[in-house]
């Protein structure tokens, strides 16, 4: 299983970024997919997850971030709007299937004030 994340970068507060994560090596449509993030000195936390028709978000990103998936492209997206400096972190995509967790390498998102 391989996960390739992209789309991170440096953006000013209030700006937007879209992260993408392309998966290979598994039946993507049957997997729960999500995004986590880890800021310096903090534990990794769930940002958003989508499985079937259901989504869930961390309270800190509700109304600003949107997770979506394209099963035909084996890709999960995270649209991030109204970014804040506290969103600065390394973002990781995650796939969970049959009790197994798979992680991408992470992509840095930096939001300047």
N, C-alpha and C. Protein backbone atom coordinates (compact mmCIF):
# COMPACT_ATOMS: atom_id res chain seq x y z
N UNK A 1 0.85 -1.18 0.00
CA UNK A 1 0.00 0.00 0.00
C UNK A 1 0.89 1.24 0.00
N UNK A 2 0.58 2.16 -0.89
CA UNK A 2 1.32 3.43 -0.94
C UNK A 2 0.35 4.59 -0.93
N UNK A 3 0.71 5.60 -0.15
CA UNK A 3 -0.08 6.83 -0.07
C UNK A 3 0.85 7.99 -0.39
N UNK A 4 0.45 8.81 -1.32
CA UNK A 4 1.27 9.95 -1.73
C UNK A 4 0.48 11.22 -1.52
N UNK A 5 0.90 11.99 -0.53
CA UNK A 5 0.22 13.24 -0.21
C UNK A 5 0.91 14.42 -0.89
N UNK A 6 0.13 15.42 -1.22
CA UNK A 6 0.67 16.63 -1.83
C UNK A 6 -0.25 17.80 -1.51
N UNK A 7 0.25 19.00 -1.79
CA UNK A 7 -0.59 20.18 -1.66
C UNK A 7 -0.28 21.08 -0.49
N UNK A 8 0.64 20.68 0.36
CA UNK A 8 1.00 21.55 1.47
C UNK A 8 1.78 22.75 1.00
N UNK A 9 2.05 23.66 1.94
CA UNK A 9 2.81 24.84 1.60
C UNK A 9 2.66 25.93 2.63
N UNK A 10 3.09 27.12 2.25
CA UNK A 10 3.03 28.30 3.11
C UNK A 10 1.91 29.21 2.63
N UNK A 11 1.05 29.62 3.54
CA UNK A 11 -0.07 30.47 3.19
C UNK A 11 -0.31 31.47 4.31
N UNK A 12 -0.84 32.62 3.97
CA UNK A 12 -1.17 33.61 4.99
C UNK A 12 -2.49 33.24 5.68
N UNK A 13 -2.64 33.71 6.89
CA UNK A 13 -3.88 33.48 7.62
C UNK A 13 -5.06 33.98 6.79
N UNK A 14 -6.12 33.19 6.78
CA UNK A 14 -7.29 33.51 5.97
C UNK A 14 -7.26 32.88 4.59
N UNK A 15 -6.14 32.33 4.22
CA UNK A 15 -5.99 31.73 2.90
C UNK A 15 -6.50 30.30 2.85
N UNK A 16 -6.28 29.67 1.70
CA UNK A 16 -6.78 28.31 1.47
C UNK A 16 -5.69 27.43 0.88
N UNK A 17 -5.82 26.16 1.14
CA UNK A 17 -4.99 25.14 0.52
C UNK A 17 -5.85 23.89 0.32
N UNK A 18 -5.47 23.10 -0.67
CA UNK A 18 -6.13 21.81 -0.85
C UNK A 18 -5.07 20.72 -0.84
N UNK A 19 -5.24 19.79 0.05
CA UNK A 19 -4.36 18.64 0.12
C UNK A 19 -4.97 17.48 -0.66
N UNK A 20 -4.09 16.69 -1.27
CA UNK A 20 -4.51 15.49 -1.98
C UNK A 20 -3.70 14.31 -1.51
N UNK A 21 -4.31 13.15 -1.54
CA UNK A 21 -3.59 11.93 -1.17
C UNK A 21 -4.05 10.81 -2.10
N UNK A 22 -3.13 10.34 -2.92
CA UNK A 22 -3.42 9.28 -3.87
C UNK A 22 -2.97 7.95 -3.29
N UNK A 23 -3.83 6.96 -3.37
CA UNK A 23 -3.56 5.65 -2.80
C UNK A 23 -3.42 4.59 -3.88
N UNK A 24 -2.63 3.59 -3.58
CA UNK A 24 -2.50 2.45 -4.47
C UNK A 24 -2.24 1.20 -3.64
N UNK A 25 -2.61 0.06 -4.20
CA UNK A 25 -2.31 -1.19 -3.52
C UNK A 25 -3.40 -1.73 -2.63
N UNK A 26 -4.58 -1.09 -2.66
CA UNK A 26 -5.70 -1.62 -1.88
C UNK A 26 -7.00 -1.22 -2.54
N UNK A 27 -8.09 -1.79 -2.03
CA UNK A 27 -9.41 -1.44 -2.57
C UNK A 27 -9.86 -0.15 -1.90
N UNK A 28 -9.55 0.94 -2.54
CA UNK A 28 -9.73 2.27 -1.94
C UNK A 28 -11.16 2.53 -1.54
N UNK A 29 -12.10 2.12 -2.37
CA UNK A 29 -13.50 2.45 -2.12
C UNK A 29 -14.02 1.83 -0.83
N UNK A 30 -13.37 0.79 -0.34
CA UNK A 30 -13.83 0.12 0.88
C UNK A 30 -13.11 0.59 2.13
N UNK A 31 -12.23 1.55 1.98
CA UNK A 31 -11.43 2.02 3.11
C UNK A 31 -12.01 3.30 3.71
N UNK A 32 -11.85 3.41 5.01
CA UNK A 32 -12.09 4.70 5.66
C UNK A 32 -10.85 5.55 5.42
N UNK A 33 -11.05 6.77 5.01
CA UNK A 33 -9.90 7.63 4.70
C UNK A 33 -10.00 8.91 5.51
N UNK A 34 -8.85 9.42 5.87
CA UNK A 34 -8.88 10.62 6.70
C UNK A 34 -7.56 11.37 6.67
N UNK A 35 -7.59 12.50 7.35
CA UNK A 35 -6.42 13.35 7.51
C UNK A 35 -6.17 13.57 9.00
N UNK A 36 -4.92 13.45 9.38
CA UNK A 36 -4.47 13.77 10.72
C UNK A 36 -3.42 14.87 10.60
N UNK A 37 -3.12 15.48 11.72
CA UNK A 37 -2.04 16.46 11.72
C UNK A 37 -1.28 16.40 13.03
N UNK A 38 -0.04 16.84 12.94
CA UNK A 38 0.80 16.87 14.14
C UNK A 38 1.61 18.15 14.13
N UNK A 39 1.37 18.97 15.13
CA UNK A 39 2.13 20.20 15.31
C UNK A 39 3.32 19.93 16.21
N UNK A 40 4.35 20.75 16.14
CA UNK A 40 5.54 20.53 16.98
C UNK A 40 5.18 20.46 18.46
N UNK A 41 5.65 19.42 19.11
CA UNK A 41 5.41 19.26 20.54
C UNK A 41 4.04 18.76 20.91
N UNK A 42 3.24 18.42 19.90
CA UNK A 42 1.88 17.95 20.17
C UNK A 42 1.68 16.56 19.60
N UNK A 43 0.64 15.90 20.09
CA UNK A 43 0.31 14.58 19.59
C UNK A 43 -0.42 14.69 18.24
N UNK A 44 -0.34 13.63 17.48
CA UNK A 44 -1.07 13.59 16.23
C UNK A 44 -2.56 13.55 16.52
N UNK A 45 -3.33 14.33 15.77
CA UNK A 45 -4.76 14.41 16.02
C UNK A 45 -5.53 14.23 14.72
N UNK A 46 -6.74 13.68 14.86
CA UNK A 46 -7.62 13.54 13.72
C UNK A 46 -8.14 14.91 13.29
N UNK A 47 -8.08 15.17 12.01
CA UNK A 47 -8.64 16.39 11.45
C UNK A 47 -10.00 16.11 10.83
N UNK A 48 -10.05 15.09 9.98
CA UNK A 48 -11.30 14.75 9.30
C UNK A 48 -11.21 13.33 8.77
N UNK A 49 -12.38 12.69 8.69
CA UNK A 49 -12.41 11.33 8.19
C UNK A 49 -13.69 11.13 7.41
N UNK A 50 -13.62 10.27 6.39
CA UNK A 50 -14.80 9.96 5.60
C UNK A 50 -14.85 8.46 5.37
N UNK A 51 -16.03 7.90 5.58
CA UNK A 51 -16.24 6.46 5.38
C UNK A 51 -17.68 6.27 4.92
N UNK A 52 -17.81 5.66 3.77
CA UNK A 52 -19.16 5.55 3.22
C UNK A 52 -19.69 6.95 2.96
N UNK A 53 -20.84 7.21 3.44
CA UNK A 53 -21.43 8.53 3.25
C UNK A 53 -21.27 9.44 4.44
N UNK A 54 -20.49 9.02 5.42
CA UNK A 54 -20.36 9.79 6.65
C UNK A 54 -19.01 10.48 6.75
N UNK A 55 -19.05 11.68 7.32
CA UNK A 55 -17.82 12.42 7.58
C UNK A 55 -17.81 12.86 9.03
N UNK A 56 -16.64 13.02 9.58
CA UNK A 56 -16.54 13.66 10.89
C UNK A 56 -15.30 14.53 10.91
N UNK A 57 -15.39 15.58 11.69
CA UNK A 57 -14.35 16.61 11.73
C UNK A 57 -13.98 16.94 13.17
N UNK A 58 -12.75 17.34 13.35
CA UNK A 58 -12.36 17.91 14.64
C UNK A 58 -13.12 19.22 14.82
N UNK A 59 -13.48 19.52 16.06
CA UNK A 59 -14.24 20.74 16.32
C UNK A 59 -13.49 21.98 15.83
N UNK A 60 -12.18 21.94 15.90
CA UNK A 60 -11.38 23.11 15.55
C UNK A 60 -11.40 23.44 14.06
N UNK A 61 -11.86 22.50 13.23
CA UNK A 61 -11.86 22.76 11.78
C UNK A 61 -13.25 22.75 11.17
N UNK A 62 -14.25 22.46 11.96
CA UNK A 62 -15.62 22.42 11.43
C UNK A 62 -15.99 23.76 10.82
N UNK A 63 -16.59 23.68 9.65
CA UNK A 63 -17.00 24.89 8.95
C UNK A 63 -15.90 25.51 8.10
N UNK A 64 -14.67 25.05 8.27
CA UNK A 64 -13.54 25.60 7.50
C UNK A 64 -12.92 24.57 6.56
N UNK A 65 -12.89 23.32 7.00
CA UNK A 65 -12.27 22.26 6.21
C UNK A 65 -13.35 21.33 5.66
N UNK A 66 -13.07 20.78 4.48
CA UNK A 66 -13.98 19.81 3.88
C UNK A 66 -13.18 18.64 3.34
N UNK A 67 -13.55 17.44 3.76
CA UNK A 67 -12.92 16.23 3.25
C UNK A 67 -13.80 15.63 2.17
N UNK A 68 -13.17 15.11 1.13
CA UNK A 68 -13.90 14.46 0.07
C UNK A 68 -13.03 13.37 -0.53
N UNK A 69 -13.64 12.51 -1.32
CA UNK A 69 -12.90 11.42 -1.93
C UNK A 69 -13.41 11.20 -3.35
N UNK A 70 -12.50 10.72 -4.18
CA UNK A 70 -12.84 10.34 -5.55
C UNK A 70 -12.39 8.89 -5.70
N UNK A 71 -13.33 7.97 -5.59
CA UNK A 71 -12.96 6.56 -5.63
C UNK A 71 -12.43 6.14 -7.00
N UNK A 72 -12.86 6.83 -8.04
CA UNK A 72 -12.36 6.50 -9.38
C UNK A 72 -10.87 6.85 -9.51
N UNK A 73 -10.43 7.82 -8.72
CA UNK A 73 -9.02 8.24 -8.78
C UNK A 73 -8.23 7.75 -7.57
N UNK A 74 -8.89 7.00 -6.69
CA UNK A 74 -8.22 6.51 -5.46
C UNK A 74 -7.58 7.67 -4.70
N UNK A 75 -8.30 8.75 -4.58
CA UNK A 75 -7.73 9.96 -4.00
C UNK A 75 -8.69 10.55 -2.97
N UNK A 76 -8.10 11.03 -1.88
CA UNK A 76 -8.84 11.77 -0.86
C UNK A 76 -8.29 13.19 -0.82
N UNK A 77 -9.19 14.13 -0.59
CA UNK A 77 -8.83 15.55 -0.59
C UNK A 77 -9.19 16.18 0.75
N UNK A 78 -8.49 17.24 1.06
CA UNK A 78 -8.85 18.07 2.21
C UNK A 78 -8.78 19.52 1.76
N UNK A 79 -9.94 20.13 1.59
CA UNK A 79 -10.00 21.55 1.27
C UNK A 79 -9.98 22.34 2.56
N UNK A 80 -9.00 23.21 2.70
CA UNK A 80 -8.82 23.96 3.93
C UNK A 80 -8.98 25.45 3.62
N UNK A 81 -10.00 26.04 4.19
CA UNK A 81 -10.28 27.46 4.01
C UNK A 81 -10.14 28.20 5.32
N UNK A 82 -10.05 29.51 5.23
CA UNK A 82 -9.93 30.36 6.43
C UNK A 82 -8.86 29.83 7.37
N UNK A 83 -7.73 29.54 6.82
CA UNK A 83 -6.65 28.95 7.61
C UNK A 83 -6.17 29.90 8.70
N UNK A 84 -5.78 29.29 9.81
CA UNK A 84 -5.30 30.03 10.97
C UNK A 84 -3.87 29.57 11.30
N UNK A 85 -3.12 30.42 11.98
CA UNK A 85 -1.76 29.99 12.36
C UNK A 85 -1.75 28.69 13.16
N UNK A 86 -2.78 28.45 13.94
CA UNK A 86 -2.83 27.21 14.73
C UNK A 86 -3.10 25.98 13.89
N UNK A 87 -3.36 26.15 12.60
CA UNK A 87 -3.49 25.01 11.70
C UNK A 87 -2.12 24.52 11.21
N UNK A 88 -1.08 25.26 11.55
CA UNK A 88 0.26 24.88 11.14
C UNK A 88 0.63 23.52 11.72
N UNK A 89 1.02 22.60 10.84
CA UNK A 89 1.33 21.23 11.27
C UNK A 89 1.78 20.43 10.05
N UNK A 90 2.25 19.24 10.32
CA UNK A 90 2.45 18.27 9.25
C UNK A 90 1.15 17.48 9.15
N UNK A 91 0.61 17.40 7.95
CA UNK A 91 -0.65 16.72 7.71
C UNK A 91 -0.38 15.35 7.08
N UNK A 92 -1.03 14.35 7.63
CA UNK A 92 -0.86 12.98 7.17
C UNK A 92 -2.18 12.41 6.69
N UNK A 93 -2.15 11.74 5.56
CA UNK A 93 -3.35 11.02 5.16
C UNK A 93 -3.30 9.62 5.74
N UNK A 94 -4.46 9.09 5.99
CA UNK A 94 -4.60 7.79 6.65
C UNK A 94 -5.70 6.99 5.96
N UNK A 95 -5.40 5.72 5.74
CA UNK A 95 -6.41 4.79 5.27
C UNK A 95 -6.52 3.67 6.29
N UNK A 96 -7.74 3.31 6.59
CA UNK A 96 -7.98 2.21 7.51
C UNK A 96 -8.87 1.18 6.81
N UNK A 97 -8.38 -0.05 6.79
CA UNK A 97 -9.14 -1.11 6.13
C UNK A 97 -8.84 -2.43 6.81
N UNK A 98 -9.88 -3.16 7.15
CA UNK A 98 -9.76 -4.47 7.79
C UNK A 98 -8.85 -4.41 9.02
N UNK A 99 -9.01 -3.36 9.79
CA UNK A 99 -8.25 -3.21 11.01
C UNK A 99 -6.82 -2.75 10.85
N UNK A 100 -6.41 -2.47 9.63
CA UNK A 100 -5.04 -2.02 9.38
C UNK A 100 -5.03 -0.52 9.07
N UNK A 101 -4.04 0.16 9.61
CA UNK A 101 -3.84 1.58 9.34
C UNK A 101 -2.65 1.78 8.40
N UNK A 102 -2.86 2.63 7.40
CA UNK A 102 -1.79 2.97 6.47
C UNK A 102 -1.62 4.49 6.48
N UNK A 103 -0.35 4.92 6.44
CA UNK A 103 -0.05 6.35 6.56
C UNK A 103 0.78 6.84 5.38
N UNK A 104 0.48 8.07 4.94
CA UNK A 104 1.34 8.74 4.01
C UNK A 104 2.50 9.39 4.75
N UNK A 105 3.43 9.97 4.02
CA UNK A 105 4.63 10.56 4.62
C UNK A 105 4.38 11.89 5.28
N UNK A 106 3.33 12.55 4.93
CA UNK A 106 3.06 13.84 5.53
C UNK A 106 3.44 14.99 4.62
N UNK A 107 2.68 16.05 4.74
CA UNK A 107 2.97 17.26 3.99
C UNK A 107 2.83 18.46 4.93
N UNK A 108 3.79 19.35 4.86
CA UNK A 108 3.84 20.49 5.79
C UNK A 108 2.87 21.58 5.35
N UNK A 109 2.09 22.05 6.30
CA UNK A 109 1.24 23.22 6.10
C UNK A 109 1.67 24.27 7.12
N UNK A 110 2.03 25.45 6.62
CA UNK A 110 2.44 26.54 7.48
C UNK A 110 1.57 27.75 7.19
N UNK A 111 0.94 28.26 8.23
CA UNK A 111 0.06 29.42 8.10
C UNK A 111 0.70 30.58 8.86
N UNK A 112 1.01 31.63 8.14
CA UNK A 112 1.64 32.80 8.75
C UNK A 112 0.58 33.80 9.18
N UNK A 113 0.87 34.51 10.24
CA UNK A 113 -0.09 35.50 10.76
C UNK A 113 0.12 36.87 10.14
